[in-house]
Amino acid sequence: MGLKEQITEDMKAAMRAKDSARLGTIRLLTAAMKQKEVDERIELTDTHVLAIIEKMIKQRKDSISQFEAGGRQDLADIEKAELDVLSAYMPAALSTDEISAAVAEAVAETGAAGAQDMGKVMAVLKPKLAGRADMTTVSALVKRALTAQA
């Protein structure tokens, strides 16, 4: 069963369990998936769905920090609950060592010589690590690897 089908089944289960918080989050996710399908006239693959979930997770993290800075803990708690539901659909995160190994492999594969080749390395890594690693962390590791070479 694909990720899209799993999300649909989870939505049905949340309806049966009358879990309104979980149901609301899953409905937001399915709406975002439908929107992407309609806008781009494509059938979503697991990779597309993961990208949507990743974007929604990033939005939730940004909102949490904004709400906490503004003293709105009630709204931050709602966002955290949504974040937990969305995070459950992401594959297991890679460790820093695994990411470093992938970075080293990509640097060798592209023949990157310095910071100017960062785009080449990131282009190789993004499809491999999408959904399994925070791309900000990956970017920092790539930058460190390329400046160490120079």
Protein backbone atom coordinates (compact mmCIF):
# COMPACT_ATOMS: atom_id res chain seq x y z
CA MET A 1 0.00 0.00 0.00
CA GLY A 2 1.32 3.40 -0.99
CA LEU A 3 1.60 6.36 1.32
CA LYS A 4 -1.41 8.06 -0.24
CA GLU A 5 -3.59 5.01 0.42
CA GLN A 6 -2.23 4.74 3.97
CA ILE A 7 -3.23 8.33 4.66
CA THR A 8 -6.74 7.66 3.32
CA GLU A 9 -7.08 4.60 5.55
CA ASP A 10 -5.84 6.57 8.56
CA MET A 11 -8.43 9.25 7.82
CA LYS A 12 -11.19 6.63 7.86
CA ALA A 13 -9.85 5.19 11.11
CA ALA A 14 -9.76 8.66 12.70
CA MET A 15 -13.39 9.20 11.62
CA ARG A 16 -14.47 5.91 13.19
CA ALA A 17 -12.56 6.71 16.39
CA LYS A 18 -14.00 10.24 16.45
CA ASP A 19 -10.46 11.59 16.88
CA SER A 20 -11.19 15.12 15.66
CA ALA A 21 -7.67 16.53 16.13
CA ARG A 22 -6.03 13.74 14.12
CA LEU A 23 -8.82 13.81 11.54
CA GLY A 24 -8.42 17.56 11.02
CA THR A 25 -4.69 17.23 10.40
CA ILE A 26 -5.14 14.33 7.98
CA ARG A 27 -7.81 16.28 6.13
CA LEU A 28 -5.40 19.21 5.75
CA LEU A 29 -2.86 16.79 4.32
CA THR A 30 -5.30 15.20 1.88
CA ALA A 31 -6.44 18.67 0.77
CA ALA A 32 -2.83 19.65 0.06
CA MET A 33 -2.35 16.41 -1.88
CA LYS A 34 -5.50 16.97 -3.95
CA GLN A 35 -4.46 20.57 -4.62
CA LYS A 36 -1.09 19.43 -5.97
CA GLU A 37 -2.76 16.79 -8.16
CA VAL A 38 -5.18 19.33 -9.61
CA ASP A 39 -2.62 22.11 -10.04
CA GLU A 40 -0.03 19.95 -11.76
CA ARG A 41 -2.39 17.40 -13.35
CA ILE A 42 -0.39 14.46 -12.03
CA GLU A 43 -0.95 11.33 -9.99
CA LEU A 44 1.04 11.70 -6.79
CA THR A 45 3.80 9.23 -6.00
CA ASP A 46 5.16 8.56 -2.51
CA THR A 47 7.98 11.01 -3.27
CA HIS A 48 5.48 13.78 -4.02
CA VAL A 49 3.48 12.98 -0.88
CA LEU A 50 6.64 13.04 1.25
CA ALA A 51 7.55 16.45 -0.19
CA ILE A 52 4.10 17.77 0.75
CA ILE A 53 4.38 16.35 4.28
CA GLU A 54 7.89 17.77 4.64
CA LYS A 55 6.62 21.22 3.64
CA MET A 56 3.74 20.99 6.12
CA ILE A 57 6.12 19.92 8.90
CA LYS A 58 8.36 22.89 8.17
CA GLN A 59 5.31 25.20 8.33
CA ARG A 60 4.28 23.73 11.69
CA LYS A 61 7.79 24.19 13.13
CA ASP A 62 7.84 27.82 11.99
CA SER A 63 4.38 28.40 13.48
CA ILE A 64 5.35 26.82 16.79
CA SER A 65 8.35 29.11 17.17
CA GLN A 66 6.25 32.16 16.24
CA PHE A 67 3.43 31.27 18.64
CA GLU A 68 5.84 30.59 21.50
CA ALA A 69 7.62 33.88 20.84
CA GLY A 70 4.24 35.62 20.92
CA GLY A 71 3.21 33.94 24.17
CA ARG A 72 0.43 31.88 22.58
CA GLN A 73 1.17 28.46 24.08
CA ASP A 74 -2.39 27.26 23.34
CA LEU A 75 -1.86 27.69 19.59
CA ALA A 76 1.67 26.26 19.80
CA ASP A 77 0.24 23.10 21.43
CA ILE A 78 -2.23 22.66 18.56
CA GLU A 79 0.60 23.00 16.04
CA LYS A 80 2.70 20.47 18.01
CA ALA A 81 -0.15 17.96 17.90
CA GLU A 82 -0.42 18.42 14.12
CA LEU A 83 3.36 18.07 13.83
CA ASP A 84 3.21 14.72 15.65
CA VAL A 85 0.54 13.41 13.27
CA LEU A 86 2.46 14.53 10.17
CA SER A 87 5.80 13.23 11.46
CA ALA A 88 4.34 9.74 11.76
CA TYR A 89 4.21 9.52 7.95
CA MET A 90 7.87 10.37 7.45
CA PRO A 91 10.39 7.56 7.03
CA ALA A 92 12.96 7.00 9.76
CA ALA A 93 15.44 9.85 9.91
CA LEU A 94 19.06 9.21 9.04
CA SER A 95 21.75 9.68 11.64
CA THR A 96 24.40 12.39 11.23
CA ASP A 97 26.97 9.68 10.40
CA GLU A 98 24.76 8.28 7.63
CA ILE A 99 24.21 11.77 6.21
CA SER A 100 27.96 12.49 6.35
CA ALA A 101 28.65 9.26 4.46
CA ALA A 102 26.10 10.21 1.78
CA VAL A 103 27.67 13.69 1.53
CA ALA A 104 31.16 12.23 1.11
CA GLU A 105 29.86 9.85 -1.57
CA ALA A 106 28.10 12.67 -3.43
CA VAL A 107 31.18 14.91 -3.29
CA ALA A 108 33.29 12.10 -4.76
CA GLU A 109 30.62 11.28 -7.37
CA THR A 110 30.34 14.88 -8.60
CA GLY A 111 34.04 15.64 -8.34
CA ALA A 112 33.22 18.79 -6.39
CA ALA A 113 36.31 20.86 -5.64
CA GLY A 114 35.03 23.78 -3.61
CA ALA A 115 32.11 25.82 -2.37
CA GLN A 116 31.16 26.81 -5.93
CA ASP A 117 30.17 23.15 -6.56
CA MET A 118 27.70 23.03 -3.67
CA GLY A 119 24.71 23.13 -6.04
CA LYS A 120 25.94 20.05 -7.91
CA VAL A 121 26.35 18.09 -4.68
CA MET A 122 22.96 19.16 -3.31
CA ALA A 123 21.29 18.20 -6.61
CA VAL A 124 22.63 14.66 -6.17
CA LEU A 125 21.74 14.45 -2.47
CA LYS A 126 18.25 15.93 -2.51
CA PRO A 127 16.48 13.00 -4.23
CA LYS A 128 18.43 10.45 -2.16
CA LEU A 129 17.77 12.05 1.21
CA ALA A 130 14.37 13.67 0.69
CA GLY A 131 12.16 13.01 3.68
CA ARG A 132 14.87 11.16 5.54
CA ALA A 133 17.11 14.07 6.51
CA ASP A 134 16.71 17.74 7.30
CA MET A 135 18.06 19.48 4.20
CA THR A 136 19.40 22.36 6.32
CA THR A 137 21.64 19.88 8.13
CA VAL A 138 22.64 18.29 4.84
CA SER A 139 23.51 21.70 3.41
CA ALA A 140 25.69 22.52 6.42
CA LEU A 141 27.52 19.18 6.12
CA VAL A 142 28.08 19.71 2.39
CA LYS A 143 29.43 23.20 3.01
CA ARG A 144 31.79 21.86 5.70
CA ALA A 145 32.98 19.03 3.43
CA LEU A 146 33.62 21.37 0.50
CA THR A 147 35.44 24.03 2.54
CA ALA A 148 37.61 21.32 4.11
CA GLN A 149 38.68 20.28 0.60
CA ALA A 150 39.58 23.78 -0.55
